[in-house]
N, C-alpha and C. Protein backbone atom coordinates (compact mmCIF):
# COMPACT_ATOMS: atom_id res chain seq x y z
N MET A 1 95.54 119.29 159.39
CA MET A 1 96.18 118.65 158.36
C MET A 1 96.88 117.47 158.55
N THR A 2 96.80 116.67 157.83
CA THR A 2 97.69 115.07 157.85
C THR A 2 98.99 115.56 157.22
N THR A 3 100.04 114.67 158.05
CA THR A 3 101.07 114.48 157.83
C THR A 3 101.37 113.26 157.29
N ARG A 4 102.44 113.33 155.94
CA ARG A 4 102.60 111.84 155.94
C ARG A 4 104.17 111.48 156.10
N ALA A 5 104.35 110.47 156.49
CA ALA A 5 105.60 109.77 156.96
C ALA A 5 106.53 109.90 155.76
N LEU A 6 107.90 109.96 155.48
CA LEU A 6 108.39 110.09 154.53
C LEU A 6 109.21 108.54 154.92
N SER A 7 108.89 108.16 153.31
CA SER A 7 109.42 106.87 153.09
C SER A 7 110.87 106.91 152.64
N PRO A 8 111.83 105.99 153.43
CA PRO A 8 112.66 105.84 153.42
C PRO A 8 113.54 105.65 151.88
N PRO A 9 114.72 106.36 151.58
CA PRO A 9 115.34 106.14 150.10
C PRO A 9 115.45 104.90 149.66
N SER A 10 115.03 104.48 148.46
CA SER A 10 115.44 103.30 147.77
C SER A 10 116.56 103.10 147.61
N PRO A 11 117.09 101.64 147.59
CA PRO A 11 118.27 101.30 147.59
C PRO A 11 118.89 101.56 146.08
N PRO A 12 120.18 101.86 145.73
CA PRO A 12 120.55 102.06 144.13
C PRO A 12 120.19 100.79 143.62
N LEU A 13 120.04 100.65 142.30
CA LEU A 13 119.84 99.80 141.12
C LEU A 13 121.07 99.16 141.19
N ARG A 14 121.14 97.69 141.41
CA ARG A 14 122.16 96.58 141.38
C ARG A 14 121.58 95.83 140.59
N LEU A 15 122.80 95.57 139.49
CA LEU A 15 122.61 94.28 137.91
C LEU A 15 123.39 93.26 138.92
N THR A 16 122.61 92.18 138.21
CA THR A 16 123.13 91.28 138.53
C THR A 16 124.45 90.59 137.84
N ARG A 17 124.89 89.60 138.00
CA ARG A 17 125.95 89.17 136.98
C ARG A 17 125.69 89.15 135.58
N ARG A 18 124.52 88.39 135.34
CA ARG A 18 124.02 88.61 133.86
C ARG A 18 123.89 89.89 133.20
N GLY A 19 123.18 91.23 134.18
CA GLY A 19 122.92 92.50 133.53
C GLY A 19 124.20 92.93 133.82
N ARG A 20 125.21 92.46 134.13
CA ARG A 20 126.57 93.34 134.17
C ARG A 20 126.90 92.76 132.66
N ARG A 21 127.32 91.56 132.62
CA ARG A 21 127.41 90.78 131.26
C ARG A 21 126.97 91.65 129.98
N LEU A 22 125.53 91.83 130.23
CA LEU A 22 124.77 92.08 128.86
C LEU A 22 125.31 94.00 128.67
N VAL A 23 125.47 94.33 129.45
CA VAL A 23 125.94 95.79 129.73
C VAL A 23 127.22 96.09 128.98
N ALA A 24 128.11 95.01 129.22
CA ALA A 24 129.83 94.78 128.88
C ALA A 24 129.29 94.33 127.20
N VAL A 25 128.53 93.49 126.72
CA VAL A 25 128.18 93.17 125.39
C VAL A 25 128.03 94.22 124.81
N LEU A 26 126.77 94.97 125.26
CA LEU A 26 126.01 96.10 124.64
C LEU A 26 127.47 97.18 124.34
N ARG A 27 127.81 97.28 125.07
CA ARG A 27 129.20 98.35 125.08
C ARG A 27 130.09 98.35 123.92
N TRP A 28 130.53 96.95 124.25
CA TRP A 28 131.44 96.48 123.23
C TRP A 28 130.87 96.27 121.85
N ALA A 29 129.59 95.87 121.24
CA ALA A 29 128.92 96.08 120.04
C ALA A 29 128.80 97.51 119.47
N VAL A 30 128.53 98.16 120.35
CA VAL A 30 128.64 99.88 119.92
C VAL A 30 130.01 100.29 119.77
N LEU A 31 130.81 99.83 120.46
CA LEU A 31 132.42 100.16 119.99
C LEU A 31 132.76 99.82 118.89
N SER A 32 132.46 98.50 118.63
CA SER A 32 132.92 97.51 117.28
C SER A 32 132.25 98.10 116.16
N VAL A 33 131.00 98.61 116.13
CA VAL A 33 130.21 99.23 114.81
C VAL A 33 130.64 100.56 114.78
N THR A 34 131.21 101.51 115.64
CA THR A 34 131.62 102.46 115.65
C THR A 34 132.74 102.71 114.76
N ALA A 35 133.83 101.47 115.24
CA ALA A 35 135.00 101.53 114.46
C ALA A 35 135.19 100.84 113.08
N VAL A 36 134.47 100.04 112.90
CA VAL A 36 134.08 99.73 111.54
C VAL A 36 133.62 100.77 110.32
N ALA A 37 132.38 101.59 111.11
CA ALA A 37 132.03 102.70 110.49
C ALA A 37 133.25 103.53 110.33
N ALA A 38 133.88 103.87 110.80
CA ALA A 38 135.12 104.78 111.02
C ALA A 38 136.15 104.23 110.00
N ALA A 39 136.27 103.11 110.01
CA ALA A 39 137.27 102.39 109.06
C ALA A 39 136.48 102.70 107.66
N VAL A 40 135.65 102.33 107.55
CA VAL A 40 134.89 102.27 105.91
C VAL A 40 134.98 103.68 105.62
N ALA A 41 134.59 104.66 106.38
CA ALA A 41 134.57 106.08 106.22
C ALA A 41 136.15 106.51 105.67
N VAL A 42 137.09 105.93 106.22
CA VAL A 42 138.69 106.41 106.29
C VAL A 42 138.87 105.94 104.79
N VAL A 43 138.43 104.66 104.47
CA VAL A 43 138.72 103.93 103.14
C VAL A 43 138.11 104.59 101.87
N LEU A 44 136.81 105.35 101.89
CA LEU A 44 135.92 105.72 101.01
C LEU A 44 136.83 107.24 101.16
N LEU A 45 136.97 107.81 101.72
CA LEU A 45 137.93 109.00 101.54
C LEU A 45 139.24 109.00 100.94
N VAL A 46 140.14 108.12 101.06
CA VAL A 46 141.22 107.99 100.84
C VAL A 46 141.21 107.46 99.08
N ALA A 47 139.93 106.52 99.08
CA ALA A 47 139.97 106.22 97.64
C ALA A 47 139.30 107.15 97.01
N ALA A 48 138.49 108.36 97.41
CA ALA A 48 138.05 109.10 96.55
C ALA A 48 139.06 110.22 96.07
N LEU A 49 140.23 110.37 97.23
CA LEU A 49 141.17 111.38 96.90
C LEU A 49 142.63 110.71 96.07
N LEU A 50 142.61 109.58 95.99
CA LEU A 50 143.46 108.99 95.12
C LEU A 50 143.36 108.46 93.78
N ALA A 51 141.90 108.26 93.60
CA ALA A 51 141.36 108.18 92.32
C ALA A 51 139.94 108.57 92.01
N PRO A 52 140.36 110.23 91.53
CA PRO A 52 139.25 110.86 91.28
C PRO A 52 138.24 110.92 90.23
N GLY A 53 138.83 109.79 89.26
CA GLY A 53 137.92 109.66 88.17
C GLY A 53 138.04 110.26 86.91
N ALA A 54 137.69 109.49 86.08
CA ALA A 54 138.39 110.25 84.52
C ALA A 54 137.04 111.13 83.98
N VAL A 55 137.66 111.89 83.17
CA VAL A 55 136.65 112.62 82.59
C VAL A 55 136.34 112.53 81.25
N ALA A 56 135.05 112.34 80.85
CA ALA A 56 134.69 112.05 79.55
C ALA A 56 135.34 112.89 78.64
N GLY A 57 136.11 111.87 77.57
CA GLY A 57 136.70 112.12 76.55
C GLY A 57 138.30 112.56 76.75
N ASP A 58 138.72 112.26 78.02
CA ASP A 58 139.72 112.20 78.07
C ASP A 58 141.11 111.34 77.45
N GLY A 59 140.47 110.70 76.39
CA GLY A 59 141.40 109.65 76.23
C GLY A 59 141.87 108.17 76.86
N SER A 60 141.35 108.19 77.75
CA SER A 60 141.40 107.20 78.86
C SER A 60 140.54 105.79 78.20
N ALA A 61 139.82 105.88 77.56
CA ALA A 61 139.06 104.61 76.65
C ALA A 61 139.23 104.82 75.34
N PRO A 62 139.20 103.93 74.52
CA PRO A 62 139.30 103.90 73.17
C PRO A 62 137.99 104.47 72.41
N PRO A 63 138.02 104.79 71.32
CA PRO A 63 136.79 105.44 71.04
C PRO A 63 135.68 104.71 70.69
N ALA A 64 134.83 104.76 70.77
CA ALA A 64 133.51 104.20 69.98
C ALA A 64 133.46 103.61 68.37
N PRO A 65 133.11 102.67 68.45
CA PRO A 65 132.69 102.31 66.94
C PRO A 65 131.55 103.27 66.30
N PRO A 66 131.36 103.49 65.15
CA PRO A 66 130.79 104.53 64.73
C PRO A 66 128.85 103.86 64.70
N GLY A 67 128.25 104.36 64.78
CA GLY A 67 126.88 104.20 64.85
C GLY A 67 126.07 103.57 65.71
N THR A 68 126.94 103.55 67.09
CA THR A 68 126.73 103.19 68.67
C THR A 68 125.97 104.17 69.37
N GLY A 69 125.74 105.29 68.96
CA GLY A 69 125.48 106.39 69.88
C GLY A 69 126.34 106.95 70.72
N ALA A 70 127.65 106.95 70.77
CA ALA A 70 128.43 106.95 71.54
C ALA A 70 129.48 108.44 70.90
N PRO A 71 129.76 109.40 71.76
CA PRO A 71 130.40 110.70 71.12
C PRO A 71 131.54 110.10 70.50
N GLY A 72 131.70 111.05 69.04
CA GLY A 72 132.84 110.94 68.28
C GLY A 72 134.23 111.56 68.72
N PRO A 73 134.86 112.03 68.09
CA PRO A 73 135.87 112.96 68.54
C PRO A 73 135.61 114.13 69.44
N VAL A 74 136.44 114.34 70.39
CA VAL A 74 136.20 115.43 71.19
C VAL A 74 137.44 116.16 71.81
N VAL A 75 137.12 117.34 71.90
CA VAL A 75 138.20 118.36 72.21
C VAL A 75 138.16 119.28 73.59
N GLU A 76 138.86 119.56 74.52
CA GLU A 76 138.59 120.18 75.62
C GLU A 76 139.19 121.80 75.30
N VAL A 77 137.86 122.36 76.04
CA VAL A 77 138.16 124.01 75.80
C VAL A 77 137.86 124.75 76.87
N VAL A 78 138.60 126.08 77.14
CA VAL A 78 138.36 126.64 78.11
C VAL A 78 137.38 127.76 77.77
N VAL A 79 136.25 128.15 78.51
CA VAL A 79 134.83 128.94 78.39
C VAL A 79 135.73 130.60 78.58
N ALA A 80 135.79 131.27 77.84
CA ALA A 80 136.29 132.57 77.71
C ALA A 80 134.92 133.47 78.42
N PRO A 81 135.42 134.36 79.02
CA PRO A 81 134.50 135.37 79.62
C PRO A 81 133.51 135.66 78.55
N GLY A 82 132.06 135.78 78.57
CA GLY A 82 130.98 136.07 78.31
C GLY A 82 130.68 135.14 77.18
N GLU A 83 131.47 133.78 76.79
CA GLU A 83 130.99 132.65 76.03
C GLU A 83 129.49 131.91 76.76
N THR A 84 129.06 131.33 75.71
CA THR A 84 127.63 130.73 76.36
C THR A 84 128.15 129.35 75.13
N LEU A 85 127.56 128.35 75.97
CA LEU A 85 127.01 127.30 75.08
C LEU A 85 126.91 127.23 73.34
N TRP A 86 125.69 128.20 73.09
CA TRP A 86 125.69 128.57 72.24
C TRP A 86 126.54 128.99 70.94
N ALA A 87 127.72 129.58 71.79
CA ALA A 87 128.55 130.63 70.89
C ALA A 87 129.80 129.07 70.92
N LEU A 88 129.93 128.34 71.54
CA LEU A 88 130.53 127.30 71.63
C LEU A 88 130.32 126.63 70.42
N ALA A 89 129.12 126.21 70.25
CA ALA A 89 128.28 125.60 68.92
C ALA A 89 128.73 126.19 67.60
N ALA A 90 128.58 127.59 67.96
CA ALA A 90 128.98 127.89 66.47
C ALA A 90 130.24 127.91 65.93
N ARG A 91 130.86 127.76 66.95
CA ARG A 91 132.60 127.90 66.78
C ARG A 91 133.11 126.52 66.53
N HIS A 92 132.68 125.50 66.98
CA HIS A 92 133.31 124.15 67.21
C HIS A 92 132.42 123.20 66.30
N ALA A 93 131.23 123.37 66.07
CA ALA A 93 130.45 122.58 64.89
C ALA A 93 129.51 123.83 64.31
N PRO A 94 129.87 124.02 63.29
CA PRO A 94 128.85 125.26 62.73
C PRO A 94 127.91 124.66 61.81
N GLU A 95 128.10 123.80 61.40
CA GLU A 95 126.93 123.05 60.44
C GLU A 95 126.01 121.73 61.40
N ARG A 96 126.29 121.43 62.38
CA ARG A 96 125.34 121.19 63.51
C ARG A 96 124.24 121.69 63.67
N ASP A 97 123.39 121.11 64.35
CA ASP A 97 122.15 121.76 65.06
C ASP A 97 122.38 122.28 66.11
N PRO A 98 122.54 123.36 66.79
CA PRO A 98 123.01 123.99 67.96
C PRO A 98 122.63 122.90 69.41
N ARG A 99 121.08 123.02 68.90
CA ARG A 99 120.46 122.28 70.29
C ARG A 99 121.10 120.65 70.84
N ASP A 100 121.34 120.25 69.38
CA ASP A 100 121.84 118.85 69.72
C ASP A 100 123.29 118.99 70.11
N PHE A 101 123.94 119.93 69.56
CA PHE A 101 125.62 120.41 70.13
C PHE A 101 125.27 120.47 71.70
N VAL A 102 124.56 121.54 72.12
CA VAL A 102 124.51 121.72 73.69
C VAL A 102 124.07 120.60 74.56
N ALA A 103 123.20 120.01 73.83
CA ALA A 103 122.45 118.55 74.45
C ALA A 103 123.92 117.81 74.83
N GLU A 104 124.78 117.64 73.79
CA GLU A 104 125.57 116.82 74.08
C GLU A 104 127.01 117.14 74.90
N VAL A 105 127.19 118.45 74.82
CA VAL A 105 127.86 118.96 75.58
C VAL A 105 127.51 118.54 77.68
N TYR A 106 126.23 119.15 77.50
CA TYR A 106 125.25 118.79 78.90
C TYR A 106 125.69 117.20 79.38
N ARG A 107 125.64 116.32 78.49
CA ARG A 107 125.86 114.78 78.80
C ARG A 107 127.21 114.85 78.92
N LEU A 108 128.11 115.45 78.16
CA LEU A 108 129.74 115.00 78.20
C LEU A 108 130.20 115.57 79.52
N ASN A 109 129.69 116.50 79.86
CA ASN A 109 130.19 117.03 81.25
C ASN A 109 129.34 117.12 82.25
N GLU A 110 128.42 116.38 82.22
CA GLU A 110 127.45 116.37 83.57
C GLU A 110 127.26 117.35 84.10
N LEU A 111 126.66 118.60 83.46
CA LEU A 111 126.31 120.03 83.91
C LEU A 111 124.92 119.87 84.41
N PRO A 112 124.91 120.70 85.58
CA PRO A 112 123.57 120.75 86.17
C PRO A 112 122.41 121.36 85.07
N PRO A 113 121.01 121.20 85.61
CA PRO A 113 120.45 121.74 84.82
C PRO A 113 120.39 122.82 84.15
N SER A 114 120.95 124.14 85.42
CA SER A 114 120.62 125.19 84.65
C SER A 114 121.55 125.89 83.91
N GLY A 115 122.83 124.76 83.26
CA GLY A 115 123.36 124.95 82.30
C GLY A 115 124.67 126.06 82.40
N LEU A 116 124.66 126.77 83.46
CA LEU A 116 125.74 128.03 83.74
C LEU A 116 127.09 127.41 83.42
N VAL A 117 127.62 128.21 82.70
CA VAL A 117 129.04 127.89 82.90
C VAL A 117 129.82 129.10 82.85
N ARG A 118 131.01 128.95 83.77
CA ARG A 118 131.78 130.10 84.16
C ARG A 118 133.00 130.18 83.03
N ALA A 119 133.41 131.76 82.90
CA ALA A 119 134.50 131.71 82.45
C ALA A 119 135.95 131.12 83.18
N GLY A 120 136.58 130.50 82.40
CA GLY A 120 137.88 129.51 83.00
C GLY A 120 137.38 128.47 83.14
N GLN A 121 136.23 127.88 83.03
CA GLN A 121 135.91 126.51 83.11
C GLN A 121 136.29 125.66 81.95
N SER A 122 136.77 124.57 82.11
CA SER A 122 136.67 123.58 80.92
C SER A 122 135.95 122.65 80.92
N LEU A 123 135.65 122.41 79.57
CA LEU A 123 134.62 121.94 79.40
C LEU A 123 135.18 120.80 78.12
N VAL A 124 134.79 119.59 77.75
CA VAL A 124 134.63 118.66 76.50
C VAL A 124 133.46 119.11 75.69
N VAL A 125 134.29 119.11 74.74
CA VAL A 125 132.93 119.30 73.63
C VAL A 125 133.24 118.37 71.90
N PRO A 126 132.10 118.23 71.68
CA PRO A 126 132.44 117.34 70.31
C PRO A 126 133.03 118.45 69.29
N VAL A 127 133.62 117.62 68.62
CA VAL A 127 134.17 118.43 67.35
C VAL A 127 133.31 117.78 66.02
N GLY A 128 132.84 118.81 65.16
CA GLY A 128 131.84 118.83 63.88
C GLY A 128 130.77 118.30 64.12
């Protein structure tokens, strides 16, 4: 059986002055990027809380001229229990094609593709 001589432990890693400067600069860069990212996140959060955005048809914009494809007069309604978009079409625009009415309600309220509405939900609907 052969025995190997154990080698002495290697000395700890030592950085030169240039290496220490590089580590310090990298540490400063990472901290700076983190601070900027945190500041941007805070600004976006505060902006979202203070300016939640306007709801379509809330009167914040002047009415569009006729023939531009923009919605006409609108009214805000609260969905009753068991009420559907088709029932809203029959109640608020009986002379219109209900498919056009429902499509416009989707667009005005940015509804998800499922089109599910809940009782108590507030919707903006076209009049007439």
